[in-house]
Amino acid sequence: MIGVAVVLAVPACGQAAQSAPADKFAVVNGVKLHFVDWGGTGEPILFLTRGGGSAHRFDAVAQKFTDRFRVLGLTRRGQRPSDIPASGYDTTTLAEDIKAFLDFAQIGRVTLVGYSIAGDEQTRFAVLYPARVNKLVYLDAAFDRASAKKLSDKLQPIFQLPVVAFDHPTSALIEGAEAADPDYASVRAPALAFYVVDDQPRGITPDMDAATKAKMVALWNDYVAPFAAQQRDRFRREMQQGRIVELRNTDHQSIVSDSRVIAEIVSEMRRFFGAE
């Protein structure tokens, strides 16, 4: 059952009250979820954040669309200031949270913009509720994480890759994404996927010893670059109305913070939306 309360609306710090995006909360599926309302009118766009942080991560991007769209951002369960319940981090439950939020906001159809791991829940939503989706945008977010985990598990003992431990609920969110296969073939909506593409391995420094450098180059050439190419090829092959934009000379962290990259992304998105 969907809660029907917006319990807070507070202007974001550091901006004039009349132009600041509004922080609000909605109770959906028994969980209090934070969302940001950047305003605007027209067809709705909902930004879905990466693991960690709130929807304010999109402040520099979202406000570029308020001239033509109603723009909102949702902070998923498990990420402050939303509630952190013990469970519900599988992609199906997260997709149901999106549906419940749209019902709460009285939004029938929406364009979803998912960053990073949000791509998994937005794909699941598009499969479960095709009639509720206008378009999909993936910000370095369209990946098969189950295959990525298998590759990482295979390479860890060979290359002594660092093992990163995450606290709950981040670990539960990652496990949920790894258990879900991105069913691109069942998606009917037009989709635009941005991929950060590296032409050489990251992390090599001038003072690095030759053996370590050789190991990193081998890892890159033999496994990382081919896997990344396979991910893009799968999206092209299976997403019926999909298009890819490759982002170079940047990184995953910078695509919603670097002004140069944001300008490229916004231009491509507006063209995709027919809003140029």
C-alpha atoms as a PDB file:
ATOM      1  CA  MET A   1       0.000   0.000   0.000  1.00  0.00           C
ATOM      2  CA  ILE A   2       1.261   3.425  -0.896  1.00  0.00           C
ATOM      3  CA  GLY A   3       1.656   6.109   1.740  1.00  0.00           C
ATOM      4  CA  VAL A   4       0.200   9.458   0.830  1.00  0.00           C
ATOM      5  CA  ALA A   5       2.290  12.011   2.681  1.00  0.00           C
ATOM      6  CA  VAL A   6       4.927  14.482   1.687  1.00  0.00           C
ATOM      7  CA  VAL A   7       6.391  15.151   5.101  1.00  0.00           C
ATOM      8  CA  LEU A   8       8.964  17.836   4.347  1.00  0.00           C
ATOM      9  CA  ALA A   9       9.857  20.413   1.741  1.00  0.00           C
ATOM     10  CA  VAL A  10      13.086  22.314   2.461  1.00  0.00           C
ATOM     11  CA  PRO A  11      15.054  24.540   0.043  1.00  0.00           C
ATOM     12  CA  ALA A  12      18.553  23.201  -0.611  1.00  0.00           C
ATOM     13  CA  CYS A  13      21.304  25.137   1.143  1.00  0.00           C
ATOM     14  CA  GLY A  14      23.346  27.680  -0.742  1.00  0.00           C
ATOM     15  CA  GLN A  15      20.679  28.709  -3.242  1.00  0.00           C
ATOM     16  CA  ALA A  16      18.046  31.392  -3.271  1.00  0.00           C
ATOM     17  CA  ALA A  17      14.790  30.082  -1.885  1.00  0.00           C
ATOM     18  CA  GLN A  18      12.816  30.946  -4.989  1.00  0.00           C
ATOM     19  CA  SER A  19      15.082  28.890  -7.298  1.00  0.00           C
ATOM     20  CA  ALA A  20      16.316  26.126  -5.014  1.00  0.00           C
ATOM     21  CA  PRO A  21      15.304  22.537  -5.722  1.00  0.00           C
ATOM     22  CA  ALA A  22      12.905  21.272  -3.088  1.00  0.00           C
ATOM     23  CA  ASP A  23      13.800  18.335  -0.842  1.00  0.00           C
ATOM     24  CA  LYS A  24      10.706  16.252  -0.175  1.00  0.00           C
ATOM     25  CA  PHE A  25       9.796  12.860   1.225  1.00  0.00           C
ATOM     26  CA  ALA A  26       7.175  10.330   0.264  1.00  0.00           C
ATOM     27  CA  VAL A  27       6.186   7.160   2.086  1.00  0.00           C
ATOM     28  CA  VAL A  28       5.868   4.352  -0.469  1.00  0.00           C
ATOM     29  CA  ASN A  29       5.741   0.618   0.155  1.00  0.00           C
ATOM     30  CA  GLY A  30       6.203   1.340   3.849  1.00  0.00           C
ATOM     31  CA  VAL A  31       9.525   3.155   3.300  1.00  0.00           C
ATOM     32  CA  LYS A  32      10.182   6.894   3.478  1.00  0.00           C
ATOM     33  CA  LEU A  33      11.974   7.921   0.295  1.00  0.00           C
ATOM     34  CA  HIS A  34      13.675  11.232  -0.319  1.00  0.00           C
ATOM     35  CA  PHE A  35      13.178  12.980  -3.625  1.00  0.00           C
ATOM     36  CA  VAL A  36      14.237  16.246  -5.182  1.00  0.00           C
ATOM     37  CA  ASP A  37      11.894  18.416  -7.208  1.00  0.00           C
ATOM     38  CA  TRP A  38      13.756  20.737  -9.584  1.00  0.00           C
ATOM     39  CA  GLY A  39      10.484  22.061 -10.976  1.00  0.00           C
ATOM     40  CA  GLY A  40       9.519  22.599 -14.574  1.00  0.00           C
ATOM     41  CA  THR A  41       6.446  21.563 -16.505  1.00  0.00           C
ATOM     42  CA  GLY A  42       5.842  19.104 -19.298  1.00  0.00           C
ATOM     43  CA  GLU A  43       6.652  15.424 -19.629  1.00  0.00           C
ATOM     44  CA  PRO A  44       8.210  14.062 -16.425  1.00  0.00           C
ATOM     45  CA  ILE A  45      11.824  12.948 -16.081  1.00  0.00           C
ATOM     46  CA  LEU A  46      12.923  10.952 -13.041  1.00  0.00           C
ATOM     47  CA  PHE A  47      16.637  10.708 -12.221  1.00  0.00           C
ATOM     48  CA  LEU A  48      17.757   7.588 -10.332  1.00  0.00           C
ATOM     49  CA  THR A  49      21.003   7.888  -8.410  1.00  0.00           C
ATOM     50  CA  ARG A  50      24.025   5.601  -8.193  1.00  0.00           C
ATOM     51  CA  GLY A  51      24.911   3.686  -5.061  1.00  0.00           C
ATOM     52  CA  GLY A  52      25.673   6.154  -2.278  1.00  0.00           C
ATOM     53  CA  GLY A  53      24.580   9.753  -2.062  1.00  0.00           C
ATOM     54  CA  SER A  54      21.250  11.393  -2.720  1.00  0.00           C
ATOM     55  CA  ALA A  55      19.415  12.627  -5.779  1.00  0.00           C
ATOM     56  CA  HIS A  56      21.165  15.979  -5.317  1.00  0.00           C
ATOM     57  CA  ARG A  57      24.054  14.373  -7.196  1.00  0.00           C
ATOM     58  CA  PHE A  58      22.097  15.413 -10.304  1.00  0.00           C
ATOM     59  CA  ASP A  59      21.761  19.107  -9.418  1.00  0.00           C
ATOM     60  CA  ALA A  60      24.171  20.193 -12.167  1.00  0.00           C
ATOM     61  CA  VAL A  61      22.391  18.081 -14.801  1.00  0.00           C
ATOM     62  CA  ALA A  62      18.709  18.050 -13.885  1.00  0.00           C
ATOM     63  CA  GLN A  63      18.179  21.799 -13.970  1.00  0.00           C
ATOM     64  CA  LYS A  64      19.211  21.816 -17.646  1.00  0.00           C
ATOM     65  CA  PHE A  65      15.829  20.260 -18.483  1.00  0.00           C
ATOM     66  CA  THR A  66      13.317  22.285 -16.469  1.00  0.00           C
ATOM     67  CA  ASP A  67      12.566  24.524 -19.455  1.00  0.00           C
ATOM     68  CA  ARG A  68      10.712  21.673 -21.174  1.00  0.00           C
ATOM     69  CA  PHE A  69      10.122  18.966 -18.569  1.00  0.00           C
ATOM     70  CA  ARG A  70       8.980  18.322 -15.031  1.00  0.00           C
ATOM     71  CA  VAL A  71      12.194  17.101 -13.395  1.00  0.00           C
ATOM     72  CA  LEU A  72      12.449  14.936 -10.275  1.00  0.00           C
ATOM     73  CA  GLY A  73      15.127  12.782  -8.667  1.00  0.00           C
ATOM     74  CA  LEU A  74      14.625   9.796  -6.365  1.00  0.00           C
ATOM     75  CA  THR A  75      16.995   8.642  -3.630  1.00  0.00           C
ATOM     76  CA  ARG A  76      16.484   4.887  -3.351  1.00  0.00           C
ATOM     77  CA  ARG A  77      15.920   3.038  -0.103  1.00  0.00           C
ATOM     78  CA  GLY A  78      19.137   2.443   1.801  1.00  0.00           C
ATOM     79  CA  GLN A  79      20.652   5.844   0.952  1.00  0.00           C
ATOM     80  CA  ARG A  80      20.295   8.793   3.289  1.00  0.00           C
ATOM     81  CA  PRO A  81      18.165  10.753   3.704  1.00  0.00           C
ATOM     82  CA  SER A  82      15.806   7.943   2.626  1.00  0.00           C
ATOM     83  CA  ASP A  83      15.016   5.166   5.092  1.00  0.00           C
ATOM     84  CA  ILE A  84      17.421   2.233   5.406  1.00  0.00           C
ATOM     85  CA  PRO A  85      15.279  -0.891   5.832  1.00  0.00           C
ATOM     86  CA  ALA A  86      16.830  -4.300   6.396  1.00  0.00           C
ATOM     87  CA  SER A  87      15.649  -5.698   3.069  1.00  0.00           C
ATOM     88  CA  GLY A  88      14.265  -4.813  -0.338  1.00  0.00           C
ATOM     89  CA  TYR A  89      17.443  -4.265  -2.376  1.00  0.00           C
ATOM     90  CA  ASP A  90      16.726  -6.716  -5.188  1.00  0.00           C
ATOM     91  CA  THR A  91      15.934  -5.107  -8.540  1.00  0.00           C
ATOM     92  CA  THR A  92      12.278  -6.138  -8.502  1.00  0.00           C
ATOM     93  CA  THR A  93      11.596  -4.462  -5.141  1.00  0.00           C
ATOM     94  CA  LEU A  94      13.492  -1.350  -6.243  1.00  0.00           C
ATOM     95  CA  ALA A  95      11.419  -1.281  -9.441  1.00  0.00           C
ATOM     96  CA  GLU A  96       8.278  -1.529  -7.317  1.00  0.00           C
ATOM     97  CA  ASP A  97       9.537   1.455  -5.304  1.00  0.00           C
ATOM     98  CA  ILE A  98       9.783   3.430  -8.547  1.00  0.00           C
ATOM     99  CA  LYS A  99       6.234   2.462  -9.499  1.00  0.00           C
ATOM    100  CA  ALA A 100       4.905   3.358  -6.058  1.00  0.00           C
ATOM    101  CA  PHE A 101       6.653   6.716  -6.207  1.00  0.00           C
ATOM    102  CA  LEU A 102       5.192   7.469  -9.636  1.00  0.00           C
ATOM    103  CA  ASP A 103       1.747   6.559  -8.328  1.00  0.00           C
ATOM    104  CA  PHE A 104       2.330   8.853  -5.364  1.00  0.00           C
ATOM    105  CA  ALA A 105       3.405  11.706  -7.637  1.00  0.00           C
ATOM    106  CA  GLN A 106       0.456  11.022  -9.962  1.00  0.00           C
ATOM    107  CA  ILE A 107       2.774  10.390 -12.895  1.00  0.00           C
ATOM    108  CA  GLY A 108       1.479   7.991 -15.530  1.00  0.00           C
ATOM    109  CA  ARG A 109       4.415   7.717 -17.924  1.00  0.00           C
ATOM    110  CA  VAL A 110       7.966   8.807 -17.256  1.00  0.00           C
ATOM    111  CA  THR A 111      11.432   9.015 -18.762  1.00  0.00           C
ATOM    112  CA  LEU A 112      13.923   7.345 -16.439  1.00  0.00           C
ATOM    113  CA  VAL A 113      17.555   8.468 -16.246  1.00  0.00           C
ATOM    114  CA  GLY A 114      19.640   5.975 -14.276  1.00  0.00           C
ATOM    115  CA  TYR A 115      23.230   6.537 -13.175  1.00  0.00           C
ATOM    116  CA  SER A 116      25.555   3.590 -12.512  1.00  0.00           C
ATOM    117  CA  ILE A 117      23.855   0.751 -10.642  1.00  0.00           C
ATOM    118  CA  ALA A 118      20.454   2.419 -11.115  1.00  0.00           C
ATOM    119  CA  GLY A 119      20.499   1.013 -14.633  1.00  0.00           C
ATOM    120  CA  ASP A 120      19.570  -2.393 -13.255  1.00  0.00           C
ATOM    121  CA  GLU A 121      16.408  -1.278 -11.485  1.00  0.00           C
ATOM    122  CA  GLN A 122      15.307   0.952 -14.364  1.00  0.00           C
ATOM    123  CA  THR A 123      15.675  -1.925 -16.839  1.00  0.00           C
ATOM    124  CA  ARG A 124      13.637  -4.116 -14.509  1.00  0.00           C
ATOM    125  CA  PHE A 125      10.987  -1.402 -14.216  1.00  0.00           C
ATOM    126  CA  ALA A 126      10.784  -1.054 -18.008  1.00  0.00           C
ATOM    127  CA  VAL A 127      10.258  -4.812 -18.342  1.00  0.00           C
ATOM    128  CA  LEU A 128       7.610  -4.995 -15.614  1.00  0.00           C
ATOM    129  CA  TYR A 129       5.748  -1.788 -16.517  1.00  0.00           C
ATOM    130  CA  PRO A 130       6.285  -0.984 -20.201  1.00  0.00           C
ATOM    131  CA  ALA A 131       3.180   1.210 -20.318  1.00  0.00           C
ATOM    132  CA  ARG A 132       4.704   3.521 -17.700  1.00  0.00           C
ATOM    133  CA  VAL A 133       7.915   4.293 -19.628  1.00  0.00           C
ATOM    134  CA  ASN A 134       8.465   6.959 -22.279  1.00  0.00           C
ATOM    135  CA  LYS A 135      12.225   6.658 -22.704  1.00  0.00           C
ATOM    136  CA  LEU A 136      15.282   5.352 -20.872  1.00  0.00           C
ATOM    137  CA  VAL A 137      18.681   6.972 -20.429  1.00  0.00           C
ATOM    138  CA  TYR A 138      21.633   5.050 -18.977  1.00  0.00           C
ATOM    139  CA  LEU A 139      24.495   7.117 -17.570  1.00  0.00           C
ATOM    140  CA  ASP A 140      27.323   4.556 -17.620  1.00  0.00           C
ATOM    141  CA  ALA A 141      24.672   2.206 -16.264  1.00  0.00           C
ATOM    142  CA  ALA A 142      23.916  -0.541 -18.798  1.00  0.00           C
ATOM    143  CA  PHE A 143      25.970  -3.518 -17.647  1.00  0.00           C
ATOM    144  CA  ASP A 144      25.560  -7.222 -16.944  1.00  0.00           C
ATOM    145  CA  ARG A 145      26.830  -7.259 -13.372  1.00  0.00           C
ATOM    146  CA  ALA A 146      26.523 -11.017 -12.965  1.00  0.00           C
ATOM    147  CA  SER A 147      29.079 -11.523 -15.744  1.00  0.00           C
ATOM    148  CA  ALA A 148      31.250  -8.769 -14.273  1.00  0.00           C
ATOM    149  CA  LYS A 149      31.326 -10.570 -10.923  1.00  0.00           C
ATOM    150  CA  LYS A 150      32.237 -13.880 -12.554  1.00  0.00           C
ATOM    151  CA  LEU A 151      35.101 -12.198 -14.389  1.00  0.00           C
ATOM    152  CA  SER A 152      36.292 -10.442 -11.236  1.00  0.00           C
ATOM    153  CA  ASP A 153      36.203 -13.704  -9.242  1.00  0.00           C
ATOM    154  CA  LYS A 154      38.226 -15.392 -11.977  1.00  0.00           C
ATOM    155  CA  LEU A 155      40.844 -12.656 -12.186  1.00  0.00           C
ATOM    156  CA  GLN A 156      41.267 -11.923  -8.474  1.00  0.00           C
ATOM    157  CA  PRO A 157      43.669 -14.800  -7.720  1.00  0.00           C
ATOM    158  CA  ILE A 158      45.540 -14.297 -10.996  1.00  0.00           C
ATOM    159  CA  PHE A 159      46.166 -10.564 -10.690  1.00  0.00           C
ATOM    160  CA  GLN A 160      45.724 -10.158  -6.917  1.00  0.00           C
ATOM    161  CA  LEU A 161      42.934  -7.660  -7.387  1.00  0.00           C
ATOM    162  CA  PRO A 162      41.895  -5.775  -4.252  1.00  0.00           C
ATOM    163  CA  VAL A 163      38.788  -7.102  -2.531  1.00  0.00           C
ATOM    164  CA  VAL A 164      36.476  -4.258  -1.522  1.00  0.00           C
ATOM    165  CA  ALA A 165      34.055  -4.885   1.336  1.00  0.00           C
ATOM    166  CA  PHE A 166      30.849  -2.824   1.460  1.00  0.00           C
ATOM    167  CA  ASP A 167      28.606  -2.247   4.424  1.00  0.00           C
ATOM    168  CA  HIS A 168      24.918  -3.058   4.345  1.00  0.00           C
ATOM    169  CA  PRO A 169      22.860  -1.896   2.469  1.00  0.00           C
ATOM    170  CA  THR A 170      25.390  -1.213  -0.311  1.00  0.00           C
ATOM    171  CA  SER A 171      26.443  -4.849  -0.300  1.00  0.00           C
ATOM    172  CA  ALA A 172      22.803  -5.928  -0.557  1.00  0.00           C
ATOM    173  CA  LEU A 173      22.240  -3.513  -3.447  1.00  0.00           C
ATOM    174  CA  ILE A 174      25.246  -4.909  -5.323  1.00  0.00           C
ATOM    175  CA  GLU A 175      24.174  -8.501  -4.654  1.00  0.00           C
ATOM    176  CA  GLY A 176      20.705  -7.714  -5.956  1.00  0.00           C
ATOM    177  CA  ALA A 177      22.112  -6.245  -9.154  1.00  0.00           C
ATOM    178  CA  GLU A 178      24.474  -9.182  -9.644  1.00  0.00           C
ATOM    179  CA  ALA A 179      21.549 -11.580  -9.327  1.00  0.00           C
ATOM    180  CA  ALA A 180      19.531  -9.809 -12.018  1.00  0.00           C
ATOM    181  CA  ASP A 181      20.052 -10.290 -15.734  1.00  0.00           C
ATOM    182  CA  PRO A 182      19.389  -7.081 -17.684  1.00  0.00           C
ATOM    183  CA  ASP A 183      16.596  -8.224 -19.980  1.00  0.00           C
ATOM    184  CA  TYR A 184      17.182  -5.639 -22.687  1.00  0.00           C
ATOM    185  CA  ALA A 185      15.349  -7.720 -25.287  1.00  0.00           C
ATOM    186  CA  SER A 186      12.059  -7.276 -23.416  1.00  0.00           C
ATOM    187  CA  VAL A 187      12.336  -3.478 -23.241  1.00  0.00           C
ATOM    188  CA  ARG A 188      10.047  -1.683 -25.675  1.00  0.00           C
ATOM    189  CA  ALA A 189      10.971   1.927 -24.918  1.00  0.00           C
ATOM    190  CA  PRO A 190      13.627   3.884 -26.849  1.00  0.00           C
ATOM    191  CA  ALA A 191      16.898   3.867 -24.905  1.00  0.00           C
ATOM    192  CA  LEU A 192      20.040   5.987 -24.931  1.00  0.00           C
ATOM    193  CA  ALA A 193      23.121   4.582 -23.205  1.00  0.00           C
ATOM    194  CA  PHE A 194      26.234   6.569 -22.357  1.00  0.00           C
ATOM    195  CA  TYR A 195      29.379   4.508 -21.798  1.00  0.00           C
ATOM    196  CA  VAL A 196      32.677   5.765 -20.436  1.00  0.00           C
ATOM    197  CA  VAL A 197      35.249   4.254 -22.800  1.00  0.00           C
ATOM    198  CA  ASP A 198      38.940   4.132 -21.921  1.00  0.00           C
ATOM    199  CA  ASP A 199      41.568   3.717 -24.620  1.00  0.00           C
ATOM    200  CA  GLN A 200      44.241   2.592 -22.178  1.00  0.00           C
ATOM    201  CA  PRO A 201      44.421   1.218 -18.639  1.00  0.00           C
ATOM    202  CA  ARG A 202      43.919   3.608 -15.764  1.00  0.00           C
ATOM    203  CA  GLY A 203      46.224   3.947 -12.800  1.00  0.00           C
ATOM    204  CA  ILE A 204      49.597   3.636 -14.505  1.00  0.00           C
ATOM    205  CA  THR A 205      52.009   6.265 -13.176  1.00  0.00           C
ATOM    206  CA  PRO A 206      55.509   7.261 -14.369  1.00  0.00           C
ATOM    207  CA  ASP A 207      57.131   5.883 -11.209  1.00  0.00           C
ATOM    208  CA  MET A 208      55.415   2.472 -11.438  1.00  0.00           C
ATOM    209  CA  ASP A 209      57.768  -0.506 -11.642  1.00  0.00           C
ATOM    210  CA  ALA A 210      57.908  -2.420 -14.907  1.00  0.00           C
ATOM    211  CA  ALA A 211      56.410  -5.637 -13.532  1.00  0.00           C
ATOM    212  CA  THR A 212      53.340  -3.921 -12.089  1.00  0.00           C
ATOM    213  CA  LYS A 213      52.861  -1.898 -15.244  1.00  0.00           C
ATOM    214  CA  ALA A 214      53.081  -5.037 -17.392  1.00  0.00           C
ATOM    215  CA  LYS A 215      50.508  -6.767 -15.190  1.00  0.00           C
ATOM    216  CA  MET A 216      48.074  -3.858 -15.505  1.00  0.00           C
ATOM    217  CA  VAL A 217      48.508  -3.698 -19.267  1.00  0.00           C
ATOM    218  CA  ALA A 218      47.913  -7.439 -19.586  1.00  0.00           C
ATOM    219  CA  LEU A 219      44.814  -7.248 -17.414  1.00  0.00           C
ATOM    220  CA  TRP A 220      43.507  -4.401 -19.532  1.00  0.00           C
ATOM    221  CA  ASN A 221      44.292  -5.852 -22.962  1.00  0.00           C
ATOM    222  CA  ASP A 222      43.220  -9.421 -22.264  1.00  0.00           C
ATOM    223  CA  TYR A 223      40.166  -8.931 -20.054  1.00  0.00           C
ATOM    224  CA  VAL A 224      38.955  -5.440 -19.147  1.00  0.00           C
ATOM    225  CA  ALA A 225      38.776  -3.833 -22.601  1.00  0.00           C
ATOM    226  CA  PRO A 226      37.206  -6.912 -24.278  1.00  0.00           C
ATOM    227  CA  PHE A 227      34.627  -7.203 -21.491  1.00  0.00           C
ATOM    228  CA  ALA A 228      33.666  -3.538 -21.805  1.00  0.00           C
ATOM    229  CA  ALA A 229      33.296  -3.923 -25.576  1.00  0.00           C
ATOM    230  CA  GLN A 230      31.114  -7.003 -25.062  1.00  0.00           C
ATOM    231  CA  GLN A 231      28.831  -5.004 -22.779  1.00  0.00           C
ATOM    232  CA  ARG A 232      28.320  -2.333 -25.429  1.00  0.00           C
ATOM    233  CA  ASP A 233      27.796  -4.967 -28.116  1.00  0.00           C
ATOM    234  CA  ARG A 234      25.153  -6.702 -26.032  1.00  0.00           C
ATOM    235  CA  PHE A 235      23.223  -3.466 -25.555  1.00  0.00           C
ATOM    236  CA  ARG A 236      23.355  -2.737 -29.291  1.00  0.00           C
ATOM    237  CA  ARG A 237      22.266  -6.260 -30.148  1.00  0.00           C
ATOM    238  CA  GLU A 238      19.446  -6.741 -27.647  1.00  0.00           C
ATOM    239  CA  MET A 239      17.941  -3.310 -26.994  1.00  0.00           C
ATOM    240  CA  GLN A 240      15.400  -2.968 -29.783  1.00  0.00           C
ATOM    241  CA  GLN A 241      15.430   0.837 -29.905  1.00  0.00           C
ATOM    242  CA  GLY A 242      18.816   1.449 -28.344  1.00  0.00           C
ATOM    243  CA  ARG A 243      21.577   3.903 -29.187  1.00  0.00           C
ATOM    244  CA  ILE A 244      25.012   4.286 -27.618  1.00  0.00           C
ATOM    245  CA  VAL A 245      27.145   7.374 -27.023  1.00  0.00           C
ATOM    246  CA  GLU A 246      30.759   6.740 -26.040  1.00  0.00           C
ATOM    247  CA  LEU A 247      32.284   9.198 -23.579  1.00  0.00           C
ATOM    248  CA  ARG A 248      36.063   9.533 -23.772  1.00  0.00           C
ATOM    249  CA  ASN A 249      38.615  11.471 -21.742  1.00  0.00           C
ATOM    250  CA  THR A 250      36.495  11.234 -18.614  1.00  0.00           C
ATOM    251  CA  ASP A 251      35.611   8.735 -15.891  1.00  0.00           C
ATOM    252  CA  HIS A 252      32.574   7.276 -14.166  1.00  0.00           C
ATOM    253  CA  GLN A 253      32.723   9.736 -11.281  1.00  0.00           C
ATOM    254  CA  SER A 254      32.884  12.833 -13.466  1.00  0.00           C
ATOM    255  CA  ILE A 255      29.941  12.333 -15.794  1.00  0.00           C
ATOM    256  CA  VAL A 256      27.560  14.239 -13.513  1.00  0.00           C
ATOM    257  CA  SER A 257      30.122  16.706 -12.124  1.00  0.00           C
ATOM    258  CA  ASP A 258      32.472  17.748 -14.944  1.00  0.00           C
ATOM    259  CA  SER A 259      31.013  20.690 -16.860  1.00  0.00           C
ATOM    260  CA  ARG A 260      32.505  19.593 -20.186  1.00  0.00           C
ATOM    261  CA  VAL A 261      31.030  16.104 -19.947  1.00  0.00           C
ATOM    262  CA  ILE A 262      27.718  17.385 -18.630  1.00  0.00           C
ATOM    263  CA  ALA A 263      27.411  19.674 -21.660  1.00  0.00           C
ATOM    264  CA  GLU A 264      27.933  16.707 -24.000  1.00  0.00           C
ATOM    265  CA  ILE A 265      25.473  14.516 -22.102  1.00  0.00           C
ATOM    266  CA  VAL A 266      22.800  17.202 -21.903  1.00  0.00           C
ATOM    267  CA  SER A 267      23.094  17.945 -25.624  1.00  0.00           C
ATOM    268  CA  GLU A 268      22.706  14.252 -26.530  1.00  0.00           C
ATOM    269  CA  MET A 269      19.812  13.792 -24.107  1.00  0.00           C
ATOM    270  CA  ARG A 270      17.929  16.831 -25.387  1.00  0.00           C
ATOM    271  CA  ARG A 271      18.343  15.564 -28.940  1.00  0.00           C
ATOM    272  CA  PHE A 272      17.065  12.154 -27.828  1.00  0.00           C
ATOM    273  CA  PHE A 273      14.084  13.814 -26.115  1.00  0.00           C
ATOM    274  CA  GLY A 274      13.337  15.957 -29.176  1.00  0.00           C
ATOM    275  CA  ALA A 275      13.972  19.081 -27.126  1.00  0.00           C
ATOM    276  CA  GLU A 276      16.772  20.744 -29.089  1.00  0.00           C
END
